[in-house]
Amino acid sequence: MPTIFTRIIDGEIPGRFVWKDDVCVAFLDVRPLARGHVLVVPRDEVDHWVDLSPEVATHLMALAQRVGGAQRELLSPARIGMMIAGFEVPHVHIHVVPMDSMAALDFRNANPDPDQADLDQIHADLSELLG
């Protein structure tokens, strides 16, 4: 059975994509830890990041860095955090999170009902910056 991320990548479930290429995609998290939270996800379903090929792992990291640069330019947070946990969905994903404190990386602080108009605006702005 495909993961929820594969279903988003395949268009079965809507997603606010800020990047797509042949290896991976990046889209806004629907339960953001902070405003502008993006997930960088390989197209291939791989459960654990240590099982990625070195080429795919390098590609994901480079895109996460690029996304973080766009978030920093757009949102001016104190830091851009990055986390690979993998407990929520059995499909590798990198959380790239604008943050002003370590609390931004606490899943208990995820926003279950973010403002949809704000997500649309961040989507448009990050997509433009990532071109």
C-alpha atoms as a PDB file:
ATOM      1  CA  MET A   1       0.000   0.000   0.000  1.00  0.00           C
ATOM      2  CA  PRO A   2       1.475   3.386  -0.971  1.00  0.00           C
ATOM      3  CA  THR A   3       2.431   5.827   1.792  1.00  0.00           C
ATOM      4  CA  ILE A   4       0.565   9.081   2.216  1.00  0.00           C
ATOM      5  CA  PHE A   5       3.594  10.832   0.693  1.00  0.00           C
ATOM      6  CA  THR A   6       3.449   8.671  -2.429  1.00  0.00           C
ATOM      7  CA  ARG A   7      -0.252   9.471  -2.676  1.00  0.00           C
ATOM      8  CA  ILE A   8       0.581  13.204  -2.448  1.00  0.00           C
ATOM      9  CA  ILE A   9       3.382  12.868  -5.021  1.00  0.00           C
ATOM     10  CA  ASP A  10       1.025  10.975  -7.362  1.00  0.00           C
ATOM     11  CA  GLY A  11      -1.672  13.660  -7.012  1.00  0.00           C
ATOM     12  CA  GLU A  12      -4.199  11.445  -5.191  1.00  0.00           C
ATOM     13  CA  ILE A  13      -4.054  13.820  -2.233  1.00  0.00           C
ATOM     14  CA  PRO A  14      -3.513  17.549  -2.793  1.00  0.00           C
ATOM     15  CA  GLY A  15      -0.210  19.083  -1.789  1.00  0.00           C
ATOM     16  CA  ARG A  16       1.335  22.543  -1.906  1.00  0.00           C
ATOM     17  CA  PHE A  17       4.513  21.715  -3.817  1.00  0.00           C
ATOM     18  CA  VAL A  18       7.341  24.235  -3.788  1.00  0.00           C
ATOM     19  CA  TRP A  19       9.717  21.953  -5.732  1.00  0.00           C
ATOM     20  CA  LYS A  20       9.543  18.908  -7.988  1.00  0.00           C
ATOM     21  CA  ASP A  21      12.272  17.090  -9.870  1.00  0.00           C
ATOM     22  CA  ASP A  22      12.933  13.521 -10.997  1.00  0.00           C
ATOM     23  CA  VAL A  23      14.392  12.475  -7.615  1.00  0.00           C
ATOM     24  CA  CYS A  24      12.311  14.268  -5.013  1.00  0.00           C
ATOM     25  CA  VAL A  25       9.652  16.807  -4.160  1.00  0.00           C
ATOM     26  CA  ALA A  26       9.207  19.451  -1.477  1.00  0.00           C
ATOM     27  CA  PHE A  27       5.833  20.522  -0.145  1.00  0.00           C
ATOM     28  CA  LEU A  28       4.354  22.410   2.780  1.00  0.00           C
ATOM     29  CA  ASP A  29       3.474  20.340   5.824  1.00  0.00           C
ATOM     30  CA  VAL A  30      -0.290  20.308   6.493  1.00  0.00           C
ATOM     31  CA  ARG A  31       0.385  20.275  10.263  1.00  0.00           C
ATOM     32  CA  PRO A  32       3.287  22.711  10.395  1.00  0.00           C
ATOM     33  CA  LEU A  33       5.614  22.895  13.340  1.00  0.00           C
ATOM     34  CA  ALA A  34       6.175  26.532  12.357  1.00  0.00           C
ATOM     35  CA  ARG A  35       5.071  28.888   9.602  1.00  0.00           C
ATOM     36  CA  GLY A  36       6.754  27.788   6.357  1.00  0.00           C
ATOM     37  CA  HIS A  37       7.524  24.188   7.460  1.00  0.00           C
ATOM     38  CA  VAL A  38       8.452  22.149   4.351  1.00  0.00           C
ATOM     39  CA  LEU A  39       8.961  18.415   3.839  1.00  0.00           C
ATOM     40  CA  VAL A  40      11.612  17.220   1.373  1.00  0.00           C
ATOM     41  CA  VAL A  41      10.653  13.718   0.200  1.00  0.00           C
ATOM     42  CA  PRO A  42      12.232  11.300  -2.287  1.00  0.00           C
ATOM     43  CA  ARG A  43       9.879  10.000  -4.957  1.00  0.00           C
ATOM     44  CA  ASP A  44      10.916   6.410  -4.202  1.00  0.00           C
ATOM     45  CA  GLU A  45       9.450   4.912  -1.036  1.00  0.00           C
ATOM     46  CA  VAL A  46      12.364   4.222   1.270  1.00  0.00           C
ATOM     47  CA  ASP A  47      11.489   3.709   4.927  1.00  0.00           C
ATOM     48  CA  HIS A  48      14.754   4.693   6.617  1.00  0.00           C
ATOM     49  CA  TRP A  49      17.156   7.413   5.523  1.00  0.00           C
ATOM     50  CA  VAL A  50      20.226   5.217   6.085  1.00  0.00           C
ATOM     51  CA  ASP A  51      18.907   2.985   3.271  1.00  0.00           C
ATOM     52  CA  LEU A  52      18.967   5.803   0.689  1.00  0.00           C
ATOM     53  CA  SER A  53      21.599   5.647  -2.005  1.00  0.00           C
ATOM     54  CA  PRO A  54      24.394   8.172  -1.385  1.00  0.00           C
ATOM     55  CA  GLU A  55      23.297  10.029  -4.520  1.00  0.00           C
ATOM     56  CA  VAL A  56      19.690  10.414  -3.375  1.00  0.00           C
ATOM     57  CA  ALA A  57      20.741  11.359   0.173  1.00  0.00           C
ATOM     58  CA  THR A  58      23.055  14.049  -1.230  1.00  0.00           C
ATOM     59  CA  HIS A  59      20.312  15.332  -3.530  1.00  0.00           C
ATOM     60  CA  LEU A  60      17.790  15.555  -0.657  1.00  0.00           C
ATOM     61  CA  MET A  61      20.255  17.401   1.542  1.00  0.00           C
ATOM     62  CA  ALA A  62      21.104  19.875  -1.223  1.00  0.00           C
ATOM     63  CA  LEU A  63      17.429  20.597  -1.794  1.00  0.00           C
ATOM     64  CA  ALA A  64      16.772  20.935   1.950  1.00  0.00           C
ATOM     65  CA  GLN A  65      19.578  23.497   2.097  1.00  0.00           C
ATOM     66  CA  ARG A  66      18.092  25.398  -0.840  1.00  0.00           C
ATOM     67  CA  VAL A  67      14.619  25.341   0.744  1.00  0.00           C
ATOM     68  CA  GLY A  68      16.120  26.562   4.025  1.00  0.00           C
ATOM     69  CA  GLY A  69      17.771  29.465   2.232  1.00  0.00           C
ATOM     70  CA  ALA A  70      14.431  30.467   0.702  1.00  0.00           C
ATOM     71  CA  GLN A  71      12.699  30.171   4.093  1.00  0.00           C
ATOM     72  CA  ARG A  72      15.384  32.341   5.689  1.00  0.00           C
ATOM     73  CA  GLU A  73      14.992  34.987   2.988  1.00  0.00           C
ATOM     74  CA  LEU A  74      11.194  34.975   3.194  1.00  0.00           C
ATOM     75  CA  LEU A  75      10.574  34.575   6.930  1.00  0.00           C
ATOM     76  CA  SER A  76      13.762  35.809   8.682  1.00  0.00           C
ATOM     77  CA  PRO A  77      13.748  33.242  11.510  1.00  0.00           C
ATOM     78  CA  ALA A  78      16.627  32.954  14.000  1.00  0.00           C
ATOM     79  CA  ARG A  79      17.501  29.524  12.515  1.00  0.00           C
ATOM     80  CA  ILE A  80      16.373  26.976   9.975  1.00  0.00           C
ATOM     81  CA  GLY A  81      16.043  23.605  11.684  1.00  0.00           C
ATOM     82  CA  MET A  82      16.219  20.265   9.970  1.00  0.00           C
ATOM     83  CA  MET A  83      15.064  16.912  11.267  1.00  0.00           C
ATOM     84  CA  ILE A  84      14.772  13.361   9.951  1.00  0.00           C
ATOM     85  CA  ALA A  85      12.660  11.306  12.332  1.00  0.00           C
ATOM     86  CA  GLY A  86      10.598   8.872  10.315  1.00  0.00           C
ATOM     87  CA  PHE A  87       8.152   7.711  12.949  1.00  0.00           C
ATOM     88  CA  GLU A  88       5.113   9.466  11.482  1.00  0.00           C
ATOM     89  CA  VAL A  89       5.267   8.067   7.926  1.00  0.00           C
ATOM     90  CA  PRO A  90       7.386   5.090   6.739  1.00  0.00           C
ATOM     91  CA  HIS A  91       8.781   7.108   3.808  1.00  0.00           C
ATOM     92  CA  VAL A  92      11.962   9.176   4.220  1.00  0.00           C
ATOM     93  CA  HIS A  93      11.278  12.877   4.695  1.00  0.00           C
ATOM     94  CA  ILE A  94      13.316  15.810   5.884  1.00  0.00           C
ATOM     95  CA  HIS A  95      11.533  18.438   7.949  1.00  0.00           C
ATOM     96  CA  VAL A  96      12.906  21.900   7.103  1.00  0.00           C
ATOM     97  CA  VAL A  97      11.559  24.258   9.745  1.00  0.00           C
ATOM     98  CA  PRO A  98      11.993  28.013  10.234  1.00  0.00           C
ATOM     99  CA  MET A  99      12.507  28.428  13.968  1.00  0.00           C
ATOM    100  CA  ASP A 100      13.146  30.948  16.697  1.00  0.00           C
ATOM    101  CA  SER A 101      13.664  28.320  19.420  1.00  0.00           C
ATOM    102  CA  MET A 102      14.146  24.577  19.861  1.00  0.00           C
ATOM    103  CA  ALA A 103      10.425  24.293  20.716  1.00  0.00           C
ATOM    104  CA  ALA A 104       9.730  24.602  16.978  1.00  0.00           C
ATOM    105  CA  LEU A 105      10.975  21.027  16.546  1.00  0.00           C
ATOM    106  CA  ASP A 106       8.529  19.589  19.091  1.00  0.00           C
ATOM    107  CA  PHE A 107       5.701  17.716  17.342  1.00  0.00           C
ATOM    108  CA  ARG A 108       3.414  18.538  20.272  1.00  0.00           C
ATOM    109  CA  ASN A 109       3.494  22.115  18.944  1.00  0.00           C
ATOM    110  CA  ALA A 110       2.280  21.201  15.447  1.00  0.00           C
ATOM    111  CA  ASN A 111      -0.599  23.341  14.232  1.00  0.00           C
ATOM    112  CA  PRO A 112      -3.557  21.032  13.457  1.00  0.00           C
ATOM    113  CA  ASP A 113      -5.539  23.832  11.787  1.00  0.00           C
ATOM    114  CA  PRO A 114      -3.235  26.311  10.012  1.00  0.00           C
ATOM    115  CA  ASP A 115      -4.686  29.286   8.152  1.00  0.00           C
ATOM    116  CA  GLN A 116      -5.228  28.019   4.595  1.00  0.00           C
ATOM    117  CA  ALA A 117      -4.846  31.467   3.016  1.00  0.00           C
ATOM    118  CA  ASP A 118      -1.502  31.869   4.785  1.00  0.00           C
ATOM    119  CA  LEU A 119      -0.374  28.437   3.535  1.00  0.00           C
ATOM    120  CA  ASP A 120      -1.357  29.507   0.008  1.00  0.00           C
ATOM    121  CA  GLN A 121       0.683  32.709   0.356  1.00  0.00           C
ATOM    122  CA  ILE A 122       3.757  30.924   1.732  1.00  0.00           C
ATOM    123  CA  HIS A 123       3.394  28.342  -1.042  1.00  0.00           C
ATOM    124  CA  ALA A 124       3.383  31.070  -3.700  1.00  0.00           C
ATOM    125  CA  ASP A 125       6.296  32.952  -2.135  1.00  0.00           C
ATOM    126  CA  LEU A 126       8.529  29.902  -1.593  1.00  0.00           C
ATOM    127  CA  SER A 127       7.724  28.560  -5.073  1.00  0.00           C
ATOM    128  CA  GLU A 128       8.787  31.875  -6.582  1.00  0.00           C
ATOM    129  CA  LEU A 129      12.030  31.987  -4.573  1.00  0.00           C
ATOM    130  CA  LEU A 130      12.894  28.393  -5.493  1.00  0.00           C
ATOM    131  CA  GLY A 131      11.968  29.068  -9.135  1.00  0.00           C
END
